[in-house]
């Protein structure tokens, strides 16, 4: 099974992510904080890290930590489509892809399937 780590503290969105992953046979671990993300990354290198850029925990710090530990891990961040400044800061921190939440949600199954095969 592929392993995806997700820094997401929105319980509704966590459920959506976990249900989609279950249907695809993709293992997803939810992390509510950058420290929890670090802890999971210490256990095993994930195929993909997904970051809610609107998480209450410091998502930009989490991106920086992932980049410090392993620059090759693909990072995808999502946010409100009007947060252009935050999108730029996420890219500068090392996020490979930044997309509006609506696009991320729409393409969630494809993103998770890619994590299973490509990443």
PDB file of N, CA and C in Angstrom:
ATOM      1  N   UNK A   1       0.831  -1.187   0.000  1.00  0.00           N
ATOM      2  CA  UNK A   1       0.000   0.000   0.000  1.00  0.00           C
ATOM      3  C   UNK A   1       0.873   1.247   0.000  1.00  0.00           C
ATOM      4  N   UNK A   2       0.452   2.249  -0.736  1.00  0.00           N
ATOM      5  CA  UNK A   2       1.166   3.521  -0.749  1.00  0.00           C
ATOM      6  C   UNK A   2       0.895   4.250   0.555  1.00  0.00           C
ATOM      7  N   UNK A   3       1.842   5.055   0.963  1.00  0.00           N
ATOM      8  CA  UNK A   3       1.633   5.826   2.179  1.00  0.00           C
ATOM      9  C   UNK A   3       1.595   7.294   1.839  1.00  0.00           C
ATOM     10  N   UNK A   4       0.520   7.941   2.254  1.00  0.00           N
ATOM     11  CA  UNK A   4       0.351   9.374   2.090  1.00  0.00           C
ATOM     12  C   UNK A   4       0.211   9.960   3.481  1.00  0.00           C
ATOM     13  N   UNK A   5       0.980  10.990   3.753  1.00  0.00           N
ATOM     14  CA  UNK A   5       0.827  11.725   5.004  1.00  0.00           C
ATOM     15  C   UNK A   5       0.101  13.018   4.686  1.00  0.00           C
ATOM     16  N   UNK A   6      -0.837  13.381   5.546  1.00  0.00           N
ATOM     17  CA  UNK A   6      -1.638  14.575   5.303  1.00  0.00           C
ATOM     18  C   UNK A   6      -1.692  15.441   6.552  1.00  0.00           C
ATOM     19  N   UNK A   7      -1.245  16.678   6.408  1.00  0.00           N
ATOM     20  CA  UNK A   7      -1.375  17.660   7.487  1.00  0.00           C
ATOM     21  C   UNK A   7      -2.697  18.380   7.264  1.00  0.00           C
ATOM     22  N   UNK A   8      -3.718  17.884   7.936  1.00  0.00           N
ATOM     23  CA  UNK A   8      -5.074  18.415   7.780  1.00  0.00           C
ATOM     24  C   UNK A   8      -5.735  18.372   9.146  1.00  0.00           C
ATOM     25  N   UNK A   9      -6.263  19.506   9.597  1.00  0.00           N
ATOM     26  CA  UNK A   9      -6.948  19.501  10.890  1.00  0.00           C
ATOM     27  C   UNK A   9      -8.458  19.687  10.756  1.00  0.00           C
ATOM     28  N   UNK A  10      -8.951  19.786   9.537  1.00  0.00           N
ATOM     29  CA  UNK A  10     -10.384  19.901   9.252  1.00  0.00           C
ATOM     30  C   UNK A  10     -10.976  18.485   9.270  1.00  0.00           C
ATOM     31  N   UNK A  11     -11.775  18.177  10.292  1.00  0.00           N
ATOM     32  CA  UNK A  11     -12.295  16.826  10.469  1.00  0.00           C
ATOM     33  C   UNK A  11     -13.168  16.393   9.301  1.00  0.00           C
ATOM     34  N   UNK A  12     -13.962  17.290   8.757  1.00  0.00           N
ATOM     35  CA  UNK A  12     -14.801  16.958   7.607  1.00  0.00           C
ATOM     36  C   UNK A  12     -13.935  16.545   6.423  1.00  0.00           C
ATOM     37  N   UNK A  13     -12.892  17.311   6.163  1.00  0.00           N
ATOM     38  CA  UNK A  13     -12.035  17.007   5.025  1.00  0.00           C
ATOM     39  C   UNK A  13     -11.194  15.755   5.282  1.00  0.00           C
ATOM     40  N   UNK A  14     -10.809  15.531   6.533  1.00  0.00           N
ATOM     41  CA  UNK A  14     -10.100  14.294   6.879  1.00  0.00           C
ATOM     42  C   UNK A  14     -10.936  13.081   6.483  1.00  0.00           C
ATOM     43  N   UNK A  15     -12.220  13.127   6.806  1.00  0.00           N
ATOM     44  CA  UNK A  15     -13.122  12.017   6.487  1.00  0.00           C
ATOM     45  C   UNK A  15     -13.203  11.782   4.985  1.00  0.00           C
ATOM     46  N   UNK A  16     -13.310  12.857   4.222  1.00  0.00           N
ATOM     47  CA  UNK A  16     -13.375  12.749   2.767  1.00  0.00           C
ATOM     48  C   UNK A  16     -12.097  12.121   2.214  1.00  0.00           C
ATOM     49  N   UNK A  17     -10.969  12.578   2.698  1.00  0.00           N
ATOM     50  CA  UNK A  17      -9.679  12.055   2.256  1.00  0.00           C
ATOM     51  C   UNK A  17      -9.546  10.578   2.606  1.00  0.00           C
ATOM     52  N   UNK A  18      -9.871  10.209   3.831  1.00  0.00           N
ATOM     53  CA  UNK A  18      -9.744   8.822   4.269  1.00  0.00           C
ATOM     54  C   UNK A  18     -10.687   7.893   3.511  1.00  0.00           C
ATOM     55  N   UNK A  19     -11.900   8.335   3.256  1.00  0.00           N
ATOM     56  CA  UNK A  19     -12.857   7.503   2.518  1.00  0.00           C
ATOM     57  C   UNK A  19     -12.405   7.290   1.078  1.00  0.00           C
ATOM     58  N   UNK A  20     -11.934   8.336   0.431  1.00  0.00           N
ATOM     59  CA  UNK A  20     -11.439   8.206  -0.943  1.00  0.00           C
ATOM     60  C   UNK A  20     -10.229   7.279  -0.986  1.00  0.00           C
ATOM     61  N   UNK A  21      -9.331   7.441  -0.037  1.00  0.00           N
ATOM     62  CA  UNK A  21      -8.136   6.595   0.025  1.00  0.00           C
ATOM     63  C   UNK A  21      -8.512   5.134   0.248  1.00  0.00           C
ATOM     64  N   UNK A  22      -9.467   4.892   1.113  1.00  0.00           N
ATOM     65  CA  UNK A  22      -9.905   3.523   1.394  1.00  0.00           C
ATOM     66  C   UNK A  22     -10.439   2.866   0.126  1.00  0.00           C
ATOM     67  N   UNK A  23     -11.226   3.604  -0.636  1.00  0.00           N
ATOM     68  CA  UNK A  23     -11.785   3.064  -1.884  1.00  0.00           C
ATOM     69  C   UNK A  23     -10.694   2.710  -2.891  1.00  0.00           C
ATOM     70  N   UNK A  24      -9.567   3.432  -2.840  1.00  0.00           N
ATOM     71  CA  UNK A  24      -8.470   3.213  -3.783  1.00  0.00           C
ATOM     72  C   UNK A  24      -7.404   2.262  -3.254  1.00  0.00           C
ATOM     73  N   UNK A  25      -7.509   1.891  -1.995  1.00  0.00           N
ATOM     74  CA  UNK A  25      -6.492   1.026  -1.398  1.00  0.00           C
ATOM     75  C   UNK A  25      -5.196   1.762  -1.104  1.00  0.00           C
ATOM     76  N   UNK A  26      -5.308   3.039  -0.771  1.00  0.00           N
ATOM     77  CA  UNK A  26      -4.142   3.865  -0.456  1.00  0.00           C
ATOM     78  C   UNK A  26      -4.142   4.134   1.044  1.00  0.00           C
ATOM     79  N   UNK A  27      -3.006   3.907   1.674  1.00  0.00           N
ATOM     80  CA  UNK A  27      -2.879   4.165   3.108  1.00  0.00           C
ATOM     81  C   UNK A  27      -2.598   5.647   3.319  1.00  0.00           C
ATOM     82  N   UNK A  28      -3.433   6.292   4.128  1.00  0.00           N
ATOM     83  CA  UNK A  28      -3.260   7.709   4.463  1.00  0.00           C
ATOM     84  C   UNK A  28      -3.170   7.831   5.966  1.00  0.00           C
ATOM     85  N   UNK A  29      -2.204   8.592   6.417  1.00  0.00           N
ATOM     86  CA  UNK A  29      -2.091   8.911   7.843  1.00  0.00           C
ATOM     87  C   UNK A  29      -2.328  10.406   7.999  1.00  0.00           C
ATOM     88  N   UNK A  30      -3.235  10.751   8.875  1.00  0.00           N
ATOM     89  CA  UNK A  30      -3.579  12.149   9.139  1.00  0.00           C
ATOM     90  C   UNK A  30      -2.704  12.664  10.269  1.00  0.00           C
ATOM     91  N   UNK A  31      -2.146  13.837  10.075  1.00  0.00           N
ATOM     92  CA  UNK A  31      -1.328  14.509  11.083  1.00  0.00           C
ATOM     93  C   UNK A  31      -1.936  15.888  11.316  1.00  0.00           C
ATOM     94  N   UNK A  32      -2.176  16.223  12.561  1.00  0.00           N
ATOM     95  CA  UNK A  32      -2.793  17.510  12.872  1.00  0.00           C
ATOM     96  C   UNK A  32      -1.767  18.613  13.112  1.00  0.00           C
ATOM     97  N   UNK A  33      -0.499  18.229  13.315  1.00  0.00           N
ATOM     98  CA  UNK A  33       0.539  19.221  13.605  1.00  0.00           C
ATOM     99  C   UNK A  33       1.826  18.878  12.852  1.00  0.00           C
ATOM    100  N   UNK A  34       2.710  19.868  12.682  1.00  0.00           N
ATOM    101  CA  UNK A  34       4.015  19.567  12.087  1.00  0.00           C
ATOM    102  C   UNK A  34       4.802  18.524  12.889  1.00  0.00           C
ATOM    103  N   UNK A  35       4.688  18.545  14.223  1.00  0.00           N
ATOM    104  CA  UNK A  35       5.381  17.552  15.047  1.00  0.00           C
ATOM    105  C   UNK A  35       4.865  16.138  14.762  1.00  0.00           C
ATOM    106  N   UNK A  36       3.560  16.001  14.602  1.00  0.00           N
ATOM    107  CA  UNK A  36       2.983  14.691  14.279  1.00  0.00           C
ATOM    108  C   UNK A  36       3.452  14.232  12.898  1.00  0.00           C
ATOM    109  N   UNK A  37       3.560  15.168  11.971  1.00  0.00           N
ATOM    110  CA  UNK A  37       4.062  14.855  10.632  1.00  0.00           C
ATOM    111  C   UNK A  37       5.507  14.364  10.717  1.00  0.00           C
ATOM    112  N   UNK A  38       6.331  15.061  11.494  1.00  0.00           N
ATOM    113  CA  UNK A  38       7.726  14.640  11.707  1.00  0.00           C
ATOM    114  C   UNK A  38       7.780  13.217  12.262  1.00  0.00           C
ATOM    115  N   UNK A  39       6.947  12.946  13.243  1.00  0.00           N
ATOM    116  CA  UNK A  39       6.927  11.643  13.889  1.00  0.00           C
ATOM    117  C   UNK A  39       6.581  10.543  12.877  1.00  0.00           C
ATOM    118  N   UNK A  40       5.583  10.780  12.044  1.00  0.00           N
ATOM    119  CA  UNK A  40       5.193   9.791  11.035  1.00  0.00           C
ATOM    120  C   UNK A  40       6.289   9.617   9.984  1.00  0.00           C
ATOM    121  N   UNK A  41       6.951  10.705   9.610  1.00  0.00           N
ATOM    122  CA  UNK A  41       8.010  10.613   8.609  1.00  0.00           C
ATOM    123  C   UNK A  41       9.207   9.849   9.158  1.00  0.00           C
ATOM    124  N   UNK A  42       9.404   9.893  10.460  1.00  0.00           N
ATOM    125  CA  UNK A  42      10.510   9.152  11.069  1.00  0.00           C
ATOM    126  C   UNK A  42      10.258   7.647  11.010  1.00  0.00           C
ATOM    127  N   UNK A  43       9.002   7.256  10.961  1.00  0.00           N
ATOM    128  CA  UNK A  43       8.646   5.836  10.908  1.00  0.00           C
ATOM    129  C   UNK A  43       8.850   5.259   9.511  1.00  0.00           C
ATOM    130  N   UNK A  44       8.483   6.024   8.485  1.00  0.00           N
ATOM    131  CA  UNK A  44       8.587   5.542   7.098  1.00  0.00           C
ATOM    132  C   UNK A  44       8.471   6.726   6.149  1.00  0.00           C
ATOM    133  N   UNK A  45       9.221   6.678   5.063  1.00  0.00           N
ATOM    134  CA  UNK A  45       9.158   7.745   4.071  1.00  0.00           C
ATOM    135  C   UNK A  45       7.891   7.592   3.244  1.00  0.00           C
ATOM    136  N   UNK A  46       7.046   8.609   3.234  1.00  0.00           N
ATOM    137  CA  UNK A  46       5.799   8.512   2.469  1.00  0.00           C
ATOM    138  C   UNK A  46       6.047   8.711   0.969  1.00  0.00           C
ATOM    139  N   UNK A  47       5.070   8.318   0.176  1.00  0.00           N
ATOM    140  CA  UNK A  47       5.123   8.551  -1.267  1.00  0.00           C
ATOM    141  C   UNK A  47       4.665   9.963  -1.612  1.00  0.00           C
ATOM    142  N   UNK A  48       3.886  10.555  -0.721  1.00  0.00           N
ATOM    143  CA  UNK A  48       3.308  11.877  -0.962  1.00  0.00           C
ATOM    144  C   UNK A  48       2.970  12.522   0.371  1.00  0.00           C
ATOM    145  N   UNK A  49       3.152  13.832   0.441  1.00  0.00           N
ATOM    146  CA  UNK A  49       2.687  14.604   1.596  1.00  0.00           C
ATOM    147  C   UNK A  49       1.698  15.641   1.073  1.00  0.00           C
ATOM    148  N   UNK A  50       0.544  15.683   1.704  1.00  0.00           N
ATOM    149  CA  UNK A  50      -0.508  16.632   1.364  1.00  0.00           C
ATOM    150  C   UNK A  50      -0.649  17.599   2.533  1.00  0.00           C
ATOM    151  N   UNK A  51      -0.704  18.897   2.218  1.00  0.00           N
ATOM    152  CA  UNK A  51      -0.774  19.912   3.274  1.00  0.00           C
ATOM    153  C   UNK A  51      -1.935  20.866   3.021  1.00  0.00           C
ATOM    154  N   UNK A  52      -2.812  20.975   4.025  1.00  0.00           N
ATOM    155  CA  UNK A  52      -3.860  21.991   3.995  1.00  0.00           C
ATOM    156  C   UNK A  52      -3.187  23.288   4.419  1.00  0.00           C
ATOM    157  N   UNK A  53      -3.034  24.201   3.488  1.00  0.00           N
ATOM    158  CA  UNK A  53      -2.327  25.446   3.778  1.00  0.00           C
ATOM    159  C   UNK A  53      -3.124  26.377   4.686  1.00  0.00           C
ATOM    160  N   UNK A  54      -4.365  26.001   4.997  1.00  0.00           N
ATOM    161  CA  UNK A  54      -5.175  26.760   5.941  1.00  0.00           C
ATOM    162  C   UNK A  54      -5.278  26.075   7.295  1.00  0.00           C
ATOM    163  N   UNK A  55      -4.467  25.055   7.524  1.00  0.00           N
ATOM    164  CA  UNK A  55      -4.471  24.365   8.812  1.00  0.00           C
ATOM    165  C   UNK A  55      -4.057  25.330   9.919  1.00  0.00           C
ATOM    166  N   UNK A  56      -4.595  25.118  11.110  1.00  0.00           N
ATOM    167  CA  UNK A  56      -4.257  25.994  12.243  1.00  0.00           C
ATOM    168  C   UNK A  56      -2.808  25.818  12.667  1.00  0.00           C
ATOM    169  N   UNK A  57      -2.312  24.585  12.554  1.00  0.00           N
ATOM    170  CA  UNK A  57      -0.886  24.352  12.830  1.00  0.00           C
ATOM    171  C   UNK A  57      -0.120  25.083  11.738  1.00  0.00           C
ATOM    172  N   UNK A  58       1.133  25.279  11.902  1.00  0.00           N
ATOM    173  CA  UNK A  58       1.912  26.060  10.944  1.00  0.00           C
ATOM    174  C   UNK A  58       2.247  25.221   9.703  1.00  0.00           C
ATOM    175  N   UNK A  59       1.422  25.300   8.651  1.00  0.00           N
ATOM    176  CA  UNK A  59       1.659  24.450   7.487  1.00  0.00           C
ATOM    177  C   UNK A  59       2.942  24.794   6.736  1.00  0.00           C
ATOM    178  N   UNK A  60       3.337  26.055   6.707  1.00  0.00           N
ATOM    179  CA  UNK A  60       4.581  26.418   6.018  1.00  0.00           C
ATOM    180  C   UNK A  60       5.791  25.845   6.752  1.00  0.00           C
ATOM    181  N   UNK A  61       5.716  25.813   8.062  1.00  0.00           N
ATOM    182  CA  UNK A  61       6.773  25.190   8.857  1.00  0.00           C
ATOM    183  C   UNK A  61       6.844  23.695   8.543  1.00  0.00           C
ATOM    184  N   UNK A  62       5.684  23.064   8.430  1.00  0.00           N
ATOM    185  CA  UNK A  62       5.649  21.632   8.107  1.00  0.00           C
ATOM    186  C   UNK A  62       6.282  21.361   6.747  1.00  0.00           C
ATOM    187  N   UNK A  63       6.001  22.207   5.771  1.00  0.00           N
ATOM    188  CA  UNK A  63       6.592  22.044   4.438  1.00  0.00           C
ATOM    189  C   UNK A  63       8.106  22.160   4.528  1.00  0.00           C
ATOM    190  N   UNK A  64       8.578  23.147   5.265  1.00  0.00           N
ATOM    191  CA  UNK A  64      10.018  23.315   5.445  1.00  0.00           C
ATOM    192  C   UNK A  64      10.663  22.112   6.102  1.00  0.00           C
ATOM    193  N   UNK A  65       9.994  21.537   7.085  1.00  0.00           N
ATOM    194  CA  UNK A  65      10.529  20.356   7.766  1.00  0.00           C
ATOM    195  C   UNK A  65      10.611  19.160   6.819  1.00  0.00           C
ATOM    196  N   UNK A  66       9.585  18.983   5.993  1.00  0.00           N
ATOM    197  CA  UNK A  66       9.603  17.875   5.033  1.00  0.00           C
ATOM    198  C   UNK A  66      10.753  18.067   4.059  1.00  0.00           C
ATOM    199  N   UNK A  67      10.928  19.290   3.581  1.00  0.00           N
ATOM    200  CA  UNK A  67      12.003  19.581   2.634  1.00  0.00           C
ATOM    201  C   UNK A  67      13.370  19.342   3.255  1.00  0.00           C
ATOM    202  N   UNK A  68      13.507  19.646   4.533  1.00  0.00           N
ATOM    203  CA  UNK A  68      14.773  19.433   5.229  1.00  0.00           C
ATOM    204  C   UNK A  68      15.084  17.947   5.366  1.00  0.00           C
ATOM    205  N   UNK A  69      14.065  17.153   5.642  1.00  0.00           N
ATOM    206  CA  UNK A  69      14.312  15.727   5.863  1.00  0.00           C
ATOM    207  C   UNK A  69      14.434  14.938   4.562  1.00  0.00           C
ATOM    208  N   UNK A  70      13.705  15.325   3.529  1.00  0.00           N
ATOM    209  CA  UNK A  70      13.775  14.577   2.264  1.00  0.00           C
ATOM    210  C   UNK A  70      13.168  15.407   1.137  1.00  0.00           C
ATOM    211  N   UNK A  71      14.036  16.051   0.382  1.00  0.00           N
ATOM    212  CA  UNK A  71      13.581  16.944  -0.685  1.00  0.00           C
ATOM    213  C   UNK A  71      12.851  16.219  -1.813  1.00  0.00           C
ATOM    214  N   UNK A  72      13.017  14.902  -1.937  1.00  0.00           N
ATOM    215  CA  UNK A  72      12.419  14.166  -3.043  1.00  0.00           C
ATOM    216  C   UNK A  72      10.947  13.840  -2.832  1.00  0.00           C
ATOM    217  N   UNK A  73      10.454  13.975  -1.627  1.00  0.00           N
ATOM    218  CA  UNK A  73       9.056  13.651  -1.366  1.00  0.00           C
ATOM    219  C   UNK A  73       8.167  14.702  -2.032  1.00  0.00           C
ATOM    220  N   UNK A  74       7.251  14.275  -2.883  1.00  0.00           N
ATOM    221  CA  UNK A  74       6.321  15.223  -3.496  1.00  0.00           C
ATOM    222  C   UNK A  74       5.412  15.842  -2.434  1.00  0.00           C
ATOM    223  N   UNK A  75       5.232  17.139  -2.530  1.00  0.00           N
ATOM    224  CA  UNK A  75       4.366  17.879  -1.616  1.00  0.00           C
ATOM    225  C   UNK A  75       3.286  18.563  -2.420  1.00  0.00           C
ATOM    226  N   UNK A  76       2.041  18.380  -2.013  1.00  0.00           N
ATOM    227  CA  UNK A  76       0.917  19.076  -2.637  1.00  0.00           C
ATOM    228  C   UNK A  76       0.201  19.849  -1.552  1.00  0.00           C
ATOM    229  N   UNK A  77       0.029  21.135  -1.781  1.00  0.00           N
ATOM    230  CA  UNK A  77      -0.702  21.978  -0.854  1.00  0.00           C
ATOM    231  C   UNK A  77      -1.991  22.455  -1.483  1.00  0.00           C
ATOM    232  N   UNK A  78      -2.991  22.672  -0.658  1.00  0.00           N
ATOM    233  CA  UNK A  78      -4.242  23.228  -1.175  1.00  0.00           C
ATOM    234  C   UNK A  78      -4.737  24.323  -0.242  1.00  0.00           C
ATOM    235  N   UNK A  79      -5.492  25.266  -0.819  1.00  0.00           N
ATOM    236  CA  UNK A  79      -5.927  26.446  -0.097  1.00  0.00           C
ATOM    237  C   UNK A  79      -7.093  27.094  -0.820  1.00  0.00           C
ATOM    238  N   UNK A  80      -7.596  28.167  -0.280  1.00  0.00           N
ATOM    239  CA  UNK A  80      -8.640  28.947  -0.941  1.00  0.00           C
ATOM    240  C   UNK A  80      -8.057  29.580  -2.197  1.00  0.00           C
ATOM    241  N   UNK A  81      -8.839  29.621  -3.262  1.00  0.00           N
ATOM    242  CA  UNK A  81      -8.343  30.131  -4.544  1.00  0.00           C
ATOM    243  C   UNK A  81      -7.939  31.606  -4.516  1.00  0.00           C
ATOM    244  N   UNK A  82      -8.348  32.340  -3.514  1.00  0.00           N
ATOM    245  CA  UNK A  82      -8.014  33.770  -3.458  1.00  0.00           C
ATOM    246  C   UNK A  82      -6.732  34.051  -2.676  1.00  0.00           C
ATOM    247  N   UNK A  83      -6.107  33.052  -2.128  1.00  0.00           N
ATOM    248  CA  UNK A  83      -4.920  33.232  -1.282  1.00  0.00           C
ATOM    249  C   UNK A  83      -3.631  33.136  -2.104  1.00  0.00           C
ATOM    250  N   UNK A  84      -3.459  34.053  -3.025  1.00  0.00           N
ATOM    251  CA  UNK A  84      -2.321  34.023  -3.936  1.00  0.00           C
ATOM    252  C   UNK A  84      -0.986  34.189  -3.209  1.00  0.00           C
ATOM    253  N   UNK A  85      -0.945  35.051  -2.202  1.00  0.00           N
ATOM    254  CA  UNK A  85       0.291  35.266  -1.446  1.00  0.00           C
ATOM    255  C   UNK A  85       0.700  33.992  -0.702  1.00  0.00           C
ATOM    256  N   UNK A  86      -0.264  33.344  -0.074  1.00  0.00           N
ATOM    257  CA  UNK A  86       0.022  32.103   0.636  1.00  0.00           C
ATOM    258  C   UNK A  86       0.486  31.018  -0.337  1.00  0.00           C
ATOM    259  N   UNK A  87      -0.106  30.975  -1.513  1.00  0.00           N
ATOM    260  CA  UNK A  87       0.312  30.002  -2.526  1.00  0.00           C
ATOM    261  C   UNK A  87       1.777  30.214  -2.900  1.00  0.00           C
ATOM    262  N   UNK A  88       2.181  31.451  -3.077  1.00  0.00           N
ATOM    263  CA  UNK A  88       3.582  31.751  -3.406  1.00  0.00           C
ATOM    264  C   UNK A  88       4.523  31.367  -2.278  1.00  0.00           C
ATOM    265  N   UNK A  89       4.118  31.652  -1.041  1.00  0.00           N
ATOM    266  CA  UNK A  89       4.953  31.287   0.103  1.00  0.00           C
ATOM    267  C   UNK A  89       5.087  29.775   0.225  1.00  0.00           C
ATOM    268  N   UNK A  90       4.028  29.044  -0.086  1.00  0.00           N
ATOM    269  CA  UNK A  90       4.088  27.582  -0.034  1.00  0.00           C
ATOM    270  C   UNK A  90       5.042  27.050  -1.104  1.00  0.00           C
ATOM    271  N   UNK A  91       4.980  27.608  -2.292  1.00  0.00           N
ATOM    272  CA  UNK A  91       5.903  27.192  -3.358  1.00  0.00           C
ATOM    273  C   UNK A  91       7.348  27.492  -2.954  1.00  0.00           C
ATOM    274  N   UNK A  92       7.558  28.666  -2.386  1.00  0.00           N
ATOM    275  CA  UNK A  92       8.909  29.050  -1.952  1.00  0.00           C
ATOM    276  C   UNK A  92       9.416  28.127  -0.850  1.00  0.00           C
ATOM    277  N   UNK A  93       8.509  27.629  -0.016  1.00  0.00           N
ATOM    278  CA  UNK A  93       8.896  26.727   1.073  1.00  0.00           C
ATOM    279  C   UNK A  93       9.207  25.318   0.568  1.00  0.00           C
ATOM    280  N   UNK A  94       8.757  24.998  -0.658  1.00  0.00           N
ATOM    281  CA  UNK A  94       9.078  23.691  -1.230  1.00  0.00           C
ATOM    282  C   UNK A  94       7.899  22.871  -1.702  1.00  0.00           C
ATOM    283  N   UNK A  95       6.710  23.449  -1.693  1.00  0.00           N
ATOM    284  CA  UNK A  95       5.538  22.721  -2.172  1.00  0.00           C
ATOM    285  C   UNK A  95       5.634  22.557  -3.686  1.00  0.00           C
ATOM    286  N   UNK A  96       5.623  21.327  -4.149  1.00  0.00           N
ATOM    287  CA  UNK A  96       5.745  21.045  -5.580  1.00  0.00           C
ATOM    288  C   UNK A  96       4.525  21.540  -6.342  1.00  0.00           C
ATOM    289  N   UNK A  97       3.347  21.322  -5.774  1.00  0.00           N
ATOM    290  CA  UNK A  97       2.100  21.725  -6.411  1.00  0.00           C
ATOM    291  C   UNK A  97       1.240  22.426  -5.382  1.00  0.00           C
ATOM    292  N   UNK A  98       0.637  23.550  -5.777  1.00  0.00           N
ATOM    293  CA  UNK A  98      -0.309  24.258  -4.921  1.00  0.00           C
ATOM    294  C   UNK A  98      -1.566  24.452  -5.750  1.00  0.00           C
ATOM    295  N   UNK A  99      -2.701  24.081  -5.184  1.00  0.00           N
ATOM    296  CA  UNK A  99      -3.943  24.199  -5.946  1.00  0.00           C
ATOM    297  C   UNK A  99      -5.097  24.634  -5.052  1.00  0.00           C
ATOM    298  N   UNK A 100      -6.110  25.234  -5.662  1.00  0.00           N
ATOM    299  CA  UNK A 100      -7.302  25.593  -4.885  1.00  0.00           C
ATOM    300  C   UNK A 100      -7.942  24.338  -4.293  1.00  0.00           C
ATOM    301  N   UNK A 101      -8.554  24.505  -3.150  1.00  0.00           N
ATOM    302  CA  UNK A 101      -9.211  23.384  -2.466  1.00  0.00           C
ATOM    303  C   UNK A 101     -10.219  22.701  -3.388  1.00  0.00           C
ATOM    304  N   UNK A 102     -10.953  23.472  -4.172  1.00  0.00           N
ATOM    305  CA  UNK A 102     -11.957  22.885  -5.071  1.00  0.00           C
ATOM    306  C   UNK A 102     -11.307  21.968  -6.102  1.00  0.00           C
ATOM    307  N   UNK A 103     -10.181  22.375  -6.651  1.00  0.00           N
ATOM    308  CA  UNK A 103      -9.479  21.545  -7.636  1.00  0.00           C
ATOM    309  C   UNK A 103      -8.899  20.306  -6.955  1.00  0.00           C
ATOM    310  N   UNK A 104      -8.344  20.481  -5.772  1.00  0.00           N
ATOM    311  CA  UNK A 104      -7.794  19.355  -5.025  1.00  0.00           C
ATOM    312  C   UNK A 104      -8.897  18.331  -4.742  1.00  0.00           C
ATOM    313  N   UNK A 105     -10.038  18.807  -4.294  1.00  0.00           N
ATOM    314  CA  UNK A 105     -11.170  17.930  -3.991  1.00  0.00           C
ATOM    315  C   UNK A 105     -11.644  17.207  -5.250  1.00  0.00           C
ATOM    316  N   UNK A 106     -11.759  17.948  -6.325  1.00  0.00           N
ATOM    317  CA  UNK A 106     -12.216  17.384  -7.594  1.00  0.00           C
ATOM    318  C   UNK A 106     -11.263  16.296  -8.098  1.00  0.00           C
ATOM    319  N   UNK A 107      -9.967  16.483  -7.894  1.00  0.00           N
ATOM    320  CA  UNK A 107      -8.951  15.557  -8.394  1.00  0.00           C
ATOM    321  C   UNK A 107      -8.393  14.619  -7.324  1.00  0.00           C
ATOM    322  N   UNK A 108      -9.037  14.559  -6.165  1.00  0.00           N
ATOM    323  CA  UNK A 108      -8.509  13.795  -5.042  1.00  0.00           C
ATOM    324  C   UNK A 108      -8.236  12.331  -5.402  1.00  0.00           C
ATOM    325  N   UNK A 109      -9.160  11.682  -6.053  1.00  0.00           N
ATOM    326  CA  UNK A 109      -8.966  10.273  -6.403  1.00  0.00           C
ATOM    327  C   UNK A 109      -7.766  10.104  -7.333  1.00  0.00           C
ATOM    328  N   UNK A 110      -7.608  10.998  -8.278  1.00  0.00           N
ATOM    329  CA  UNK A 110      -6.482  10.930  -9.214  1.00  0.00           C
ATOM    330  C   UNK A 110      -5.166  11.168  -8.486  1.00  0.00           C
ATOM    331  N   UNK A 111      -5.140  12.138  -7.595  1.00  0.00           N
ATOM    332  CA  UNK A 111      -3.929  12.450  -6.826  1.00  0.00           C
ATOM    333  C   UNK A 111      -3.518  11.246  -5.974  1.00  0.00           C
ATOM    334  N   UNK A 112      -4.471  10.653  -5.297  1.00  0.00           N
ATOM    335  CA  UNK A 112      -4.169   9.502  -4.446  1.00  0.00           C
ATOM    336  C   UNK A 112      -3.746   8.296  -5.283  1.00  0.00           C
ATOM    337  N   UNK A 113      -4.389   8.093  -6.423  1.00  0.00           N
ATOM    338  CA  UNK A 113      -4.000   6.987  -7.302  1.00  0.00           C
ATOM    339  C   UNK A 113      -2.577   7.182  -7.822  1.00  0.00           C
ATOM    340  N   UNK A 114      -2.209   8.425  -8.127  1.00  0.00           N
ATOM    341  CA  UNK A 114      -0.836   8.718  -8.553  1.00  0.00           C
ATOM    342  C   UNK A 114       0.143   8.403  -7.436  1.00  0.00           C
ATOM    343  N   UNK A 115      -0.237   8.707  -6.203  1.00  0.00           N
ATOM    344  CA  UNK A 115       0.643   8.414  -5.060  1.00  0.00           C
ATOM    345  C   UNK A 115       0.883   6.915  -4.952  1.00  0.00           C
ATOM    346  N   UNK A 116      -0.085   6.150  -5.361  1.00  0.00           N
ATOM    347  CA  UNK A 116       0.025   4.692  -5.301  1.00  0.00           C
ATOM    348  C   UNK A 116       0.957   4.163  -6.396  1.00  0.00           C
ATOM    349  N   UNK A 117       0.994   4.845  -7.537  1.00  0.00           N
ATOM    350  CA  UNK A 117       1.750   4.298  -8.658  1.00  0.00           C
ATOM    351  C   UNK A 117       2.971   5.110  -9.085  1.00  0.00           C
ATOM    352  N   UNK A 118       2.857   6.425  -9.168  1.00  0.00           N
ATOM    353  CA  UNK A 118       3.928   7.249  -9.741  1.00  0.00           C
ATOM    354  C   UNK A 118       4.955   7.751  -8.753  1.00  0.00           C
ATOM    355  N   UNK A 119       4.510   8.307  -7.659  1.00  0.00           N
ATOM    356  CA  UNK A 119       5.405   9.032  -6.769  1.00  0.00           C
ATOM    357  C   UNK A 119       6.425   8.117  -6.167  1.00  0.00           C
TER     358      UNK A 119
END
